[in-house]
C-alpha atoms as a PDB file:
ATOM      1  CA  UNK A   1     164.615  68.211 -87.239  1.00  0.00           C
ATOM      2  CA  UNK A   2     162.853  69.250 -84.071  1.00  0.00           C
ATOM      3  CA  UNK A   3     164.776  66.578 -82.151  1.00  0.00           C
ATOM      4  CA  UNK A   4     168.102  67.867 -83.528  1.00  0.00           C
ATOM      5  CA  UNK A   5     167.242  71.446 -82.501  1.00  0.00           C
ATOM      6  CA  UNK A   6     166.474  70.374 -78.904  1.00  0.00           C
ATOM      7  CA  UNK A   7     169.717  68.401 -78.681  1.00  0.00           C
ATOM      8  CA  UNK A   8     171.704  71.383 -80.009  1.00  0.00           C
ATOM      9  CA  UNK A   9     170.087  73.720 -77.451  1.00  0.00           C
ATOM     10  CA  UNK A  10     170.922  71.382 -74.582  1.00  0.00           C
ATOM     11  CA  UNK A  11     174.550  71.150 -75.674  1.00  0.00           C
ATOM     12  CA  UNK A  12     174.871  74.971 -75.812  1.00  0.00           C
ATOM     13  CA  UNK A  13     173.285  75.363 -72.366  1.00  0.00           C
ATOM     14  CA  UNK A  14     175.638  72.735 -70.977  1.00  0.00           C
ATOM     15  CA  UNK A  15     178.669  74.532 -72.411  1.00  0.00           C
ATOM     16  CA  UNK A  16     177.548  77.853 -70.930  1.00  0.00           C
ATOM     17  CA  UNK A  17     177.014  76.251 -67.530  1.00  0.00           C
ATOM     18  CA  UNK A  18     180.467  74.667 -67.529  1.00  0.00           C
ATOM     19  CA  UNK A  19     182.204  77.918 -68.456  1.00  0.00           C
ATOM     20  CA  UNK A  20     180.440  80.076 -65.832  1.00  0.00           C
ATOM     21  CA  UNK A  21     182.832  81.597 -63.270  1.00  0.00           C
ATOM     22  CA  UNK A  22     182.219  83.673 -60.132  1.00  0.00           C
ATOM     23  CA  UNK A  23     182.087  83.563 -56.342  1.00  0.00           C
ATOM     24  CA  UNK A  24     179.246  81.028 -56.332  1.00  0.00           C
ATOM     25  CA  UNK A  25     181.086  78.604 -58.582  1.00  0.00           C
ATOM     26  CA  UNK A  26     183.980  76.842 -56.875  1.00  0.00           C
ATOM     27  CA  UNK A  27     184.986  75.256 -60.155  1.00  0.00           C
ATOM     28  CA  UNK A  28     185.863  78.623 -61.686  1.00  0.00           C
ATOM     29  CA  UNK A  29     189.114  78.661 -63.681  1.00  0.00           C
ATOM     30  CA  UNK A  30     192.220  79.446 -61.594  1.00  0.00           C
ATOM     31  CA  UNK A  31     193.997  81.399 -64.283  1.00  0.00           C
ATOM     32  CA  UNK A  32     192.272  84.746 -63.457  1.00  0.00           C
ATOM     33  CA  UNK A  33     192.890  87.212 -60.598  1.00  0.00           C
ATOM     34  CA  UNK A  34     189.943  86.124 -58.476  1.00  0.00           C
ATOM     35  CA  UNK A  35     189.924  87.044 -54.763  1.00  0.00           C
ATOM     36  CA  UNK A  36     189.535  84.313 -52.179  1.00  0.00           C
ATOM     37  CA  UNK A  37     186.410  84.476 -49.991  1.00  0.00           C
ATOM     38  CA  UNK A  38     186.947  86.535 -46.853  1.00  0.00           C
ATOM     39  CA  UNK A  39     187.626  84.025 -44.060  1.00  0.00           C
ATOM     40  CA  UNK A  40     184.392  82.190 -44.712  1.00  0.00           C
ATOM     41  CA  UNK A  41     182.653  85.463 -45.474  1.00  0.00           C
ATOM     42  CA  UNK A  42     183.955  87.341 -42.399  1.00  0.00           C
ATOM     43  CA  UNK A  43     183.043  91.042 -42.423  1.00  0.00           C
ATOM     44  CA  UNK A  44     184.388  93.487 -39.836  1.00  0.00           C
ATOM     45  CA  UNK A  45     183.525  97.177 -39.456  1.00  0.00           C
ATOM     46  CA  UNK A  46     186.058  99.785 -38.346  1.00  0.00           C
ATOM     47  CA  UNK A  47     184.751 103.151 -37.135  1.00  0.00           C
ATOM     48  CA  UNK A  48     187.544 105.698 -36.653  1.00  0.00           C
ATOM     49  CA  UNK A  49     187.163 109.028 -34.860  1.00  0.00           C
ATOM     50  CA  UNK A  50     189.058 110.951 -37.555  1.00  0.00           C
ATOM     51  CA  UNK A  51     191.388 110.257 -40.461  1.00  0.00           C
ATOM     52  CA  UNK A  52     192.592 113.843 -40.257  1.00  0.00           C
ATOM     53  CA  UNK A  53     195.099 112.681 -37.647  1.00  0.00           C
ATOM     54  CA  UNK A  54     198.209 110.696 -38.654  1.00  0.00           C
ATOM     55  CA  UNK A  55     197.876 108.485 -35.571  1.00  0.00           C
ATOM     56  CA  UNK A  56     194.522 107.119 -36.690  1.00  0.00           C
ATOM     57  CA  UNK A  57     195.655 106.805 -40.305  1.00  0.00           C
ATOM     58  CA  UNK A  58     198.427 104.502 -39.061  1.00  0.00           C
ATOM     59  CA  UNK A  59     195.922 102.602 -36.888  1.00  0.00           C
ATOM     60  CA  UNK A  60     193.694 102.111 -39.949  1.00  0.00           C
ATOM     61  CA  UNK A  61     196.634 100.941 -42.041  1.00  0.00           C
ATOM     62  CA  UNK A  62     197.623  98.386 -39.400  1.00  0.00           C
ATOM     63  CA  UNK A  63     194.071  97.053 -39.289  1.00  0.00           C
ATOM     64  CA  UNK A  64     193.778  96.927 -43.075  1.00  0.00           C
ATOM     65  CA  UNK A  65     197.079  95.077 -43.527  1.00  0.00           C
ATOM     66  CA  UNK A  66     196.028  92.454 -40.978  1.00  0.00           C
ATOM     67  CA  UNK A  67     192.553  92.110 -42.516  1.00  0.00           C
ATOM     68  CA  UNK A  68     194.079  91.600 -45.962  1.00  0.00           C
ATOM     69  CA  UNK A  69     196.457  88.995 -44.553  1.00  0.00           C
ATOM     70  CA  UNK A  70     193.592  87.122 -42.910  1.00  0.00           C
ATOM     71  CA  UNK A  71     191.179  87.398 -45.850  1.00  0.00           C
ATOM     72  CA  UNK A  72     188.712  89.516 -43.865  1.00  0.00           C
ATOM     73  CA  UNK A  73     186.542  92.134 -45.520  1.00  0.00           C
ATOM     74  CA  UNK A  74     187.120  95.370 -43.565  1.00  0.00           C
ATOM     75  CA  UNK A  75     184.595  98.199 -43.928  1.00  0.00           C
ATOM     76  CA  UNK A  76     186.089 101.490 -42.737  1.00  0.00           C
ATOM     77  CA  UNK A  77     184.153 104.664 -41.835  1.00  0.00           C
ATOM     78  CA  UNK A  78     185.498 108.045 -40.718  1.00  0.00           C
ATOM     79  CA  UNK A  79     183.527 110.023 -38.093  1.00  0.00           C
ATOM     80  CA  UNK A  80     185.513 113.220 -38.774  1.00  0.00           C
ATOM     81  CA  UNK A  81     185.461 113.966 -35.017  1.00  0.00           C
ATOM     82  CA  UNK A  82     181.652 114.273 -35.113  1.00  0.00           C
ATOM     83  CA  UNK A  83     179.806 112.039 -32.580  1.00  0.00           C
ATOM     84  CA  UNK A  84     176.528 112.232 -34.538  1.00  0.00           C
ATOM     85  CA  UNK A  85     178.301 111.234 -37.750  1.00  0.00           C
ATOM     86  CA  UNK A  86     179.966 108.336 -35.960  1.00  0.00           C
ATOM     87  CA  UNK A  87     176.656 107.030 -34.650  1.00  0.00           C
ATOM     88  CA  UNK A  88     175.076 107.255 -38.128  1.00  0.00           C
ATOM     89  CA  UNK A  89     178.026 105.510 -39.792  1.00  0.00           C
ATOM     90  CA  UNK A  90     178.035 102.712 -37.187  1.00  0.00           C
ATOM     91  CA  UNK A  91     174.320 102.176 -37.806  1.00  0.00           C
ATOM     92  CA  UNK A  92     175.155 101.893 -41.506  1.00  0.00           C
ATOM     93  CA  UNK A  93     177.793  99.263 -40.719  1.00  0.00           C
ATOM     94  CA  UNK A  94     175.195  97.305 -38.734  1.00  0.00           C
ATOM     95  CA  UNK A  95     172.882  97.407 -41.748  1.00  0.00           C
ATOM     96  CA  UNK A  96     175.720  95.863 -43.757  1.00  0.00           C
ATOM     97  CA  UNK A  97     175.782  92.899 -41.347  1.00  0.00           C
ATOM     98  CA  UNK A  98     179.276  93.242 -39.920  1.00  0.00           C
ATOM     99  CA  UNK A  99     180.090  90.443 -37.494  1.00  0.00           C
ATOM    100  CA  UNK A 100     182.440  92.508 -35.336  1.00  0.00           C
ATOM    101  CA  UNK A 101     182.578  96.273 -34.845  1.00  0.00           C
ATOM    102  CA  UNK A 102     185.958  97.853 -34.099  1.00  0.00           C
ATOM    103  CA  UNK A 103     185.290 101.324 -32.731  1.00  0.00           C
ATOM    104  CA  UNK A 104     187.589 104.208 -31.875  1.00  0.00           C
ATOM    105  CA  UNK A 105     185.112 106.595 -30.231  1.00  0.00           C
ATOM    106  CA  UNK A 106     185.017 110.310 -30.937  1.00  0.00           C
ATOM    107  CA  UNK A 107     183.109 110.700 -27.659  1.00  0.00           C
ATOM    108  CA  UNK A 108     183.268 107.805 -25.199  1.00  0.00           C
ATOM    109  CA  UNK A 109     179.819 108.577 -23.735  1.00  0.00           C
ATOM    110  CA  UNK A 110     177.995 109.407 -26.968  1.00  0.00           C
ATOM    111  CA  UNK A 111     178.599 106.009 -28.595  1.00  0.00           C
ATOM    112  CA  UNK A 112     177.154 103.974 -25.707  1.00  0.00           C
ATOM    113  CA  UNK A 113     173.664 103.581 -27.177  1.00  0.00           C
ATOM    114  CA  UNK A 114     174.794 102.543 -30.629  1.00  0.00           C
ATOM    115  CA  UNK A 115     177.204 100.033 -29.067  1.00  0.00           C
ATOM    116  CA  UNK A 116     174.284  98.613 -27.081  1.00  0.00           C
ATOM    117  CA  UNK A 117     172.282  98.326 -30.329  1.00  0.00           C
ATOM    118  CA  UNK A 118     175.190  96.482 -31.923  1.00  0.00           C
ATOM    119  CA  UNK A 119     175.540  93.957 -29.107  1.00  0.00           C
ATOM    120  CA  UNK A 120     171.755  93.465 -28.992  1.00  0.00           C
ATOM    121  CA  UNK A 121     171.941  92.557 -32.689  1.00  0.00           C
ATOM    122  CA  UNK A 122     174.598  89.949 -31.941  1.00  0.00           C
ATOM    123  CA  UNK A 123     177.534  92.033 -33.153  1.00  0.00           C
ATOM    124  CA  UNK A 124     180.688  91.802 -31.029  1.00  0.00           C
ATOM    125  CA  UNK A 125     182.288  95.180 -30.245  1.00  0.00           C
ATOM    126  CA  UNK A 126     185.965  95.937 -29.629  1.00  0.00           C
ATOM    127  CA  UNK A 127     187.056  99.456 -28.614  1.00  0.00           C
ATOM    128  CA  UNK A 128     190.393 100.777 -29.882  1.00  0.00           C
ATOM    129  CA  UNK A 129     192.585 103.406 -28.171  1.00  0.00           C
ATOM    130  CA  UNK A 130     189.573 105.078 -26.505  1.00  0.00           C
ATOM    131  CA  UNK A 131     187.093 103.269 -24.281  1.00  0.00           C
ATOM    132  CA  UNK A 132     183.294 103.197 -24.397  1.00  0.00           C
ATOM    133  CA  UNK A 133     181.491 104.532 -21.336  1.00  0.00           C
ATOM    134  CA  UNK A 134     178.102 103.089 -20.376  1.00  0.00           C
ATOM    135  CA  UNK A 135     178.126  99.976 -22.582  1.00  0.00           C
ATOM    136  CA  UNK A 136     179.867  96.601 -22.479  1.00  0.00           C
ATOM    137  CA  UNK A 137     182.400  95.632 -25.136  1.00  0.00           C
ATOM    138  CA  UNK A 138     184.037  92.271 -25.788  1.00  0.00           C
ATOM    139  CA  UNK A 139     187.534  93.750 -25.530  1.00  0.00           C
ATOM    140  CA  UNK A 140     189.378  97.046 -25.205  1.00  0.00           C
ATOM    141  CA  UNK A 141     192.743  97.494 -26.939  1.00  0.00           C
ATOM    142  CA  UNK A 142     194.839 100.496 -25.973  1.00  0.00           C
ATOM    143  CA  UNK A 143     197.996 101.799 -24.459  1.00  0.00           C
ATOM    144  CA  UNK A 144     197.728 102.779 -20.794  1.00  0.00           C
ATOM    145  CA  UNK A 145     196.914 106.472 -21.204  1.00  0.00           C
ATOM    146  CA  UNK A 146     197.173 107.152 -17.466  1.00  0.00           C
ATOM    147  CA  UNK A 147     200.659 105.674 -17.403  1.00  0.00           C
ATOM    148  CA  UNK A 148     201.533 107.713 -20.494  1.00  0.00           C
ATOM    149  CA  UNK A 149     200.415 110.925 -18.803  1.00  0.00           C
ATOM    150  CA  UNK A 150     202.590 110.077 -15.794  1.00  0.00           C
ATOM    151  CA  UNK A 151     205.557 109.331 -18.047  1.00  0.00           C
ATOM    152  CA  UNK A 152     205.167 112.708 -19.764  1.00  0.00           C
ATOM    153  CA  UNK A 153     204.881 114.573 -16.460  1.00  0.00           C
ATOM    154  CA  UNK A 154     207.899 112.912 -14.895  1.00  0.00           C
ATOM    155  CA  UNK A 155     210.046 113.678 -17.926  1.00  0.00           C
ATOM    156  CA  UNK A 156     208.788 117.266 -18.176  1.00  0.00           C
ATOM    157  CA  UNK A 157     209.493 118.006 -14.507  1.00  0.00           C
ATOM    158  CA  UNK A 158     212.991 116.586 -14.878  1.00  0.00           C
ATOM    159  CA  UNK A 159     213.505 118.595 -18.074  1.00  0.00           C
ATOM    160  CA  UNK A 160     212.637 121.928 -16.401  1.00  0.00           C
ATOM    161  CA  UNK A 161     214.817 121.188 -13.400  1.00  0.00           C
ATOM    162  CA  UNK A 162     211.989 120.458 -10.970  1.00  0.00           C
ATOM    163  CA  UNK A 163     210.436 123.933 -11.006  1.00  0.00           C
ATOM    164  CA  UNK A 164     208.568 126.208 -13.367  1.00  0.00           C
ATOM    165  CA  UNK A 165     205.254 127.006 -15.051  1.00  0.00           C
ATOM    166  CA  UNK A 166     203.528 124.446 -17.242  1.00  0.00           C
ATOM    167  CA  UNK A 167     200.754 124.628 -19.831  1.00  0.00           C
ATOM    168  CA  UNK A 168     198.480 121.682 -20.564  1.00  0.00           C
ATOM    169  CA  UNK A 169     196.735 121.380 -23.938  1.00  0.00           C
ATOM    170  CA  UNK A 170     193.829 119.000 -23.474  1.00  0.00           C
ATOM    171  CA  UNK A 171     192.328 116.670 -26.054  1.00  0.00           C
ATOM    172  CA  UNK A 172     188.777 116.374 -27.293  1.00  0.00           C
ATOM    173  CA  UNK A 173     186.373 116.829 -24.347  1.00  0.00           C
ATOM    174  CA  UNK A 174     184.499 113.598 -23.672  1.00  0.00           C
ATOM    175  CA  UNK A 175     187.211 111.311 -25.036  1.00  0.00           C
ATOM    176  CA  UNK A 176     188.703 108.771 -22.659  1.00  0.00           C
ATOM    177  CA  UNK A 177     192.198 109.494 -24.009  1.00  0.00           C
ATOM    178  CA  UNK A 178     192.005 113.150 -22.948  1.00  0.00           C
ATOM    179  CA  UNK A 179     190.601 112.296 -19.544  1.00  0.00           C
ATOM    180  CA  UNK A 180     193.118 109.528 -18.806  1.00  0.00           C
ATOM    181  CA  UNK A 181     196.208 111.347 -20.100  1.00  0.00           C
ATOM    182  CA  UNK A 182     195.251 114.378 -18.038  1.00  0.00           C
ATOM    183  CA  UNK A 183     194.642 112.192 -15.009  1.00  0.00           C
ATOM    184  CA  UNK A 184     198.093 110.622 -15.261  1.00  0.00           C
ATOM    185  CA  UNK A 185     199.743 113.999 -15.801  1.00  0.00           C
ATOM    186  CA  UNK A 186     198.072 115.632 -12.796  1.00  0.00           C
ATOM    187  CA  UNK A 187     198.762 112.659 -10.542  1.00  0.00           C
ATOM    188  CA  UNK A 188     202.437 113.643 -10.841  1.00  0.00           C
ATOM    189  CA  UNK A 189     202.447 117.454 -11.120  1.00  0.00           C
ATOM    190  CA  UNK A 190     199.699 118.336  -8.649  1.00  0.00           C
ATOM    191  CA  UNK A 191     201.072 119.022  -5.193  1.00  0.00           C
ATOM    192  CA  UNK A 192     204.579 119.779  -6.425  1.00  0.00           C
ATOM    193  CA  UNK A 193     205.332 123.087  -4.638  1.00  0.00           C
ATOM    194  CA  UNK A 194     207.675 124.413  -7.320  1.00  0.00           C
ATOM    195  CA  UNK A 195     205.639 123.331 -10.320  1.00  0.00           C
ATOM    196  CA  UNK A 196     202.474 125.143 -11.382  1.00  0.00           C
ATOM    197  CA  UNK A 197     200.052 124.475 -14.251  1.00  0.00           C
ATOM    198  CA  UNK A 198     199.307 128.083 -15.223  1.00  0.00           C
ATOM    199  CA  UNK A 199     196.909 127.243 -18.065  1.00  0.00           C
ATOM    200  CA  UNK A 200     194.964 124.194 -19.273  1.00  0.00           C
ATOM    201  CA  UNK A 201     192.639 124.412 -22.270  1.00  0.00           C
ATOM    202  CA  UNK A 202     191.195 121.972 -24.815  1.00  0.00           C
ATOM    203  CA  UNK A 203     192.577 122.100 -28.341  1.00  0.00           C
ATOM    204  CA  UNK A 204     190.646 119.005 -29.500  1.00  0.00           C
ATOM    205  CA  UNK A 205     193.683 116.952 -30.605  1.00  0.00           C
ATOM    206  CA  UNK A 206     194.009 119.353 -33.564  1.00  0.00           C
ATOM    207  CA  UNK A 207     197.224 121.023 -34.780  1.00  0.00           C
ATOM    208  CA  UNK A 208     195.613 124.282 -35.924  1.00  0.00           C
ATOM    209  CA  UNK A 209     193.719 124.561 -32.637  1.00  0.00           C
ATOM    210  CA  UNK A 210     196.896 123.761 -30.719  1.00  0.00           C
ATOM    211  CA  UNK A 211     198.505 126.729 -32.454  1.00  0.00           C
ATOM    212  CA  UNK A 212     195.641 129.153 -31.800  1.00  0.00           C
ATOM    213  CA  UNK A 213     195.028 128.061 -28.195  1.00  0.00           C
ATOM    214  CA  UNK A 214     198.736 128.367 -27.387  1.00  0.00           C
ATOM    215  CA  UNK A 215     198.849 131.815 -29.022  1.00  0.00           C
ATOM    216  CA  UNK A 216     195.952 132.927 -26.808  1.00  0.00           C
ATOM    217  CA  UNK A 217     197.596 131.540 -23.671  1.00  0.00           C
ATOM    218  CA  UNK A 218     200.873 133.295 -24.454  1.00  0.00           C
ATOM    219  CA  UNK A 219     199.120 136.650 -24.771  1.00  0.00           C
ATOM    220  CA  UNK A 220     198.433 136.571 -21.043  1.00  0.00           C
ATOM    221  CA  UNK A 221     201.229 134.291 -19.802  1.00  0.00           C
ATOM    222  CA  UNK A 222     204.683 134.214 -21.345  1.00  0.00           C
ATOM    223  CA  UNK A 223     206.501 132.882 -18.306  1.00  0.00           C
ATOM    224  CA  UNK A 224     206.235 129.254 -19.424  1.00  0.00           C
ATOM    225  CA  UNK A 225     208.912 126.587 -19.043  1.00  0.00           C
ATOM    226  CA  UNK A 226     207.049 123.513 -20.291  1.00  0.00           C
ATOM    227  CA  UNK A 227     204.021 122.276 -22.234  1.00  0.00           C
ATOM    228  CA  UNK A 228     202.261 118.924 -22.110  1.00  0.00           C
ATOM    229  CA  UNK A 229     199.931 118.304 -25.042  1.00  0.00           C
ATOM    230  CA  UNK A 230     197.584 115.315 -24.995  1.00  0.00           C
ATOM    231  CA  UNK A 231     198.683 114.473 -28.536  1.00  0.00           C
ATOM    232  CA  UNK A 232     201.410 115.310 -31.028  1.00  0.00           C
ATOM    233  CA  UNK A 233     199.215 117.383 -33.311  1.00  0.00           C
ATOM    234  CA  UNK A 234     198.555 119.902 -30.541  1.00  0.00           C
ATOM    235  CA  UNK A 235     202.200 119.763 -29.472  1.00  0.00           C
ATOM    236  CA  UNK A 236     203.325 120.658 -32.986  1.00  0.00           C
ATOM    237  CA  UNK A 237     200.831 123.524 -33.125  1.00  0.00           C
ATOM    238  CA  UNK A 238     202.010 124.790 -29.738  1.00  0.00           C
ATOM    239  CA  UNK A 239     205.621 124.640 -30.902  1.00  0.00           C
ATOM    240  CA  UNK A 240     204.836 126.952 -33.817  1.00  0.00           C
ATOM    241  CA  UNK A 241     203.142 129.440 -31.469  1.00  0.00           C
ATOM    242  CA  UNK A 242     206.054 129.372 -29.024  1.00  0.00           C
ATOM    243  CA  UNK A 243     208.558 129.827 -31.839  1.00  0.00           C
ATOM    244  CA  UNK A 244     206.569 132.748 -33.276  1.00  0.00           C
ATOM    245  CA  UNK A 245     206.446 134.375 -29.827  1.00  0.00           C
ATOM    246  CA  UNK A 246     210.242 134.241 -29.653  1.00  0.00           C
ATOM    247  CA  UNK A 247     210.341 132.125 -26.497  1.00  0.00           C
ATOM    248  CA  UNK A 248     213.373 129.940 -25.897  1.00  0.00           C
ATOM    249  CA  UNK A 249     213.990 126.801 -23.859  1.00  0.00           C
ATOM    250  CA  UNK A 250     210.344 125.771 -23.527  1.00  0.00           C
ATOM    251  CA  UNK A 251     210.166 121.982 -23.182  1.00  0.00           C
ATOM    252  CA  UNK A 252     207.229 120.545 -25.136  1.00  0.00           C
ATOM    253  CA  UNK A 253     206.068 116.956 -24.687  1.00  0.00           C
ATOM    254  CA  UNK A 254     203.504 115.366 -27.001  1.00  0.00           C
ATOM    255  CA  UNK A 255     201.797 111.996 -27.105  1.00  0.00           C
ATOM    256  CA  UNK A 256     201.521 109.362 -29.914  1.00  0.00           C
ATOM    257  CA  UNK A 257     204.964 109.505 -31.566  1.00  0.00           C
ATOM    258  CA  UNK A 258     203.633 110.299 -35.025  1.00  0.00           C
ATOM    259  CA  UNK A 259     206.217 110.605 -37.801  1.00  0.00           C
ATOM    260  CA  UNK A 260     206.057 114.432 -37.699  1.00  0.00           C
ATOM    261  CA  UNK A 261     206.539 114.480 -33.934  1.00  0.00           C
ATOM    262  CA  UNK A 262     209.473 112.067 -33.957  1.00  0.00           C
ATOM    263  CA  UNK A 263     211.118 114.214 -36.649  1.00  0.00           C
ATOM    264  CA  UNK A 264     210.485 117.300 -34.496  1.00  0.00           C
ATOM    265  CA  UNK A 265     212.105 115.583 -31.493  1.00  0.00           C
ATOM    266  CA  UNK A 266     215.157 114.723 -33.589  1.00  0.00           C
ATOM    267  CA  UNK A 267     215.316 118.338 -34.790  1.00  0.00           C
ATOM    268  CA  UNK A 268     215.153 119.649 -31.213  1.00  0.00           C
ATOM    269  CA  UNK A 269     211.751 121.319 -31.650  1.00  0.00           C
ATOM    270  CA  UNK A 270     209.944 118.951 -29.251  1.00  0.00           C
ATOM    271  CA  UNK A 271     211.541 117.624 -26.078  1.00  0.00           C
ATOM    272  CA  UNK A 272     209.774 114.263 -26.233  1.00  0.00           C
ATOM    273  CA  UNK A 273     206.683 112.343 -27.263  1.00  0.00           C
ATOM    274  CA  UNK A 274     205.053 109.350 -25.598  1.00  0.00           C
ATOM    275  CA  UNK A 275     205.108 106.565 -28.153  1.00  0.00           C
ATOM    276  CA  UNK A 276     202.007 104.534 -28.630  1.00  0.00           C
ATOM    277  CA  UNK A 277     201.916 101.952 -31.401  1.00  0.00           C
ATOM    278  CA  UNK A 278     198.824 102.691 -33.495  1.00  0.00           C
ATOM    279  CA  UNK A 279     199.710 100.155 -36.184  1.00  0.00           C
ATOM    280  CA  UNK A 280     199.852  97.466 -33.498  1.00  0.00           C
ATOM    281  CA  UNK A 281     196.529  98.621 -32.019  1.00  0.00           C
ATOM    282  CA  UNK A 282     194.905  98.239 -35.463  1.00  0.00           C
ATOM    283  CA  UNK A 283     196.546  94.856 -36.015  1.00  0.00           C
ATOM    284  CA  UNK A 284     195.473  93.551 -32.612  1.00  0.00           C
ATOM    285  CA  UNK A 285     191.955  94.844 -33.288  1.00  0.00           C
ATOM    286  CA  UNK A 286     191.609  92.645 -36.366  1.00  0.00           C
ATOM    287  CA  UNK A 287     193.291  89.694 -34.622  1.00  0.00           C
ATOM    288  CA  UNK A 288     190.750  90.001 -31.804  1.00  0.00           C
ATOM    289  CA  UNK A 289     187.853  90.324 -34.256  1.00  0.00           C
ATOM    290  CA  UNK A 290     188.961  87.108 -36.003  1.00  0.00           C
ATOM    291  CA  UNK A 291     189.165  85.286 -32.668  1.00  0.00           C
ATOM    292  CA  UNK A 292     185.637  86.441 -31.779  1.00  0.00           C
ATOM    293  CA  UNK A 293     184.292  85.336 -35.170  1.00  0.00           C
ATOM    294  CA  UNK A 294     185.918  81.934 -34.622  1.00  0.00           C
ATOM    295  CA  UNK A 295     184.304  81.652 -31.192  1.00  0.00           C
ATOM    296  CA  UNK A 296     187.589  81.849 -29.312  1.00  0.00           C
ATOM    297  CA  UNK A 297     187.953  83.550 -25.903  1.00  0.00           C
ATOM    298  CA  UNK A 298     189.662  86.969 -25.814  1.00  0.00           C
ATOM    299  CA  UNK A 299     191.110  89.085 -23.037  1.00  0.00           C
ATOM    300  CA  UNK A 300     188.869  91.901 -21.816  1.00  0.00           C
ATOM    301  CA  UNK A 301     191.752  94.380 -21.750  1.00  0.00           C
ATOM    302  CA  UNK A 302     194.579  94.033 -24.254  1.00  0.00           C
ATOM    303  CA  UNK A 303     197.478  96.419 -23.503  1.00  0.00           C
ATOM    304  CA  UNK A 304     199.869  97.902 -26.043  1.00  0.00           C
ATOM    305  CA  UNK A 305     203.261  98.990 -24.616  1.00  0.00           C
ATOM    306  CA  UNK A 306     204.422 102.603 -24.262  1.00  0.00           C
ATOM    307  CA  UNK A 307     207.858 104.170 -24.732  1.00  0.00           C
ATOM    308  CA  UNK A 308     209.239 107.694 -24.469  1.00  0.00           C
ATOM    309  CA  UNK A 309     210.922 109.124 -27.552  1.00  0.00           C
ATOM    310  CA  UNK A 310     213.217 111.942 -26.430  1.00  0.00           C
ATOM    311  CA  UNK A 311     216.165 114.040 -27.554  1.00  0.00           C
END
């Protein structure tokens, strides 16, 4: 009797063992909706400056689509334009053992130390759209912001007939995008005898701030023929302020070619926007991360082309 009980117990245990399914059991039945392991367990972190901006939402979506296609687990964190929050969330990603960190800095200087901590821990770092100052990264993927600023300036000067007063709405102080777009813009407009930048103020890449900053500028200076905003959100805010002030024929040029901005160009509310390709930046970020995980060489600087979307 005792012998029969032992035999019965062994048979039950064997049946349970054979029917067990899960990630540790390669013999699991194929009839369920199990997810394949992520590229041999590949885990990539993506730290974005803010998801309150359509440009970075599109960048995230491009990265996510590519990660899904490649079977990579992508952990995404939103810094909400707060450098301290970005540093804390990157440290959290490092605790989760990401193999590659894709980072779109809120502040190019502020993230240097946490990037150094990542590389010291053996984590490869790739910067997206905005560079990292003071720390080495494996690759930087971005459009040429200096060239984009030049493109905007050249178009704006042509649009106003080679003379007039311009306003510049600057991006988030400390970000490489703001610095480089401004640099490209001023390399064209500075020294032009008939063109004057009568006001330049930060509006932090934010639509509401673009509106309020432009309103304040117009209180003291209404003789404005053109506006260059370092991104579309500020350009759209400035357009509302200009419209409310009753000004006509003010040429406004944005940067990013978000869906709202392209629609505004088609409607004649914006004169143009410099088109980056955020979805492609996100896609290339994940492609580069996969190459690094596989031990393949990558280019230090990976450019994404620019175009001008105009009326």
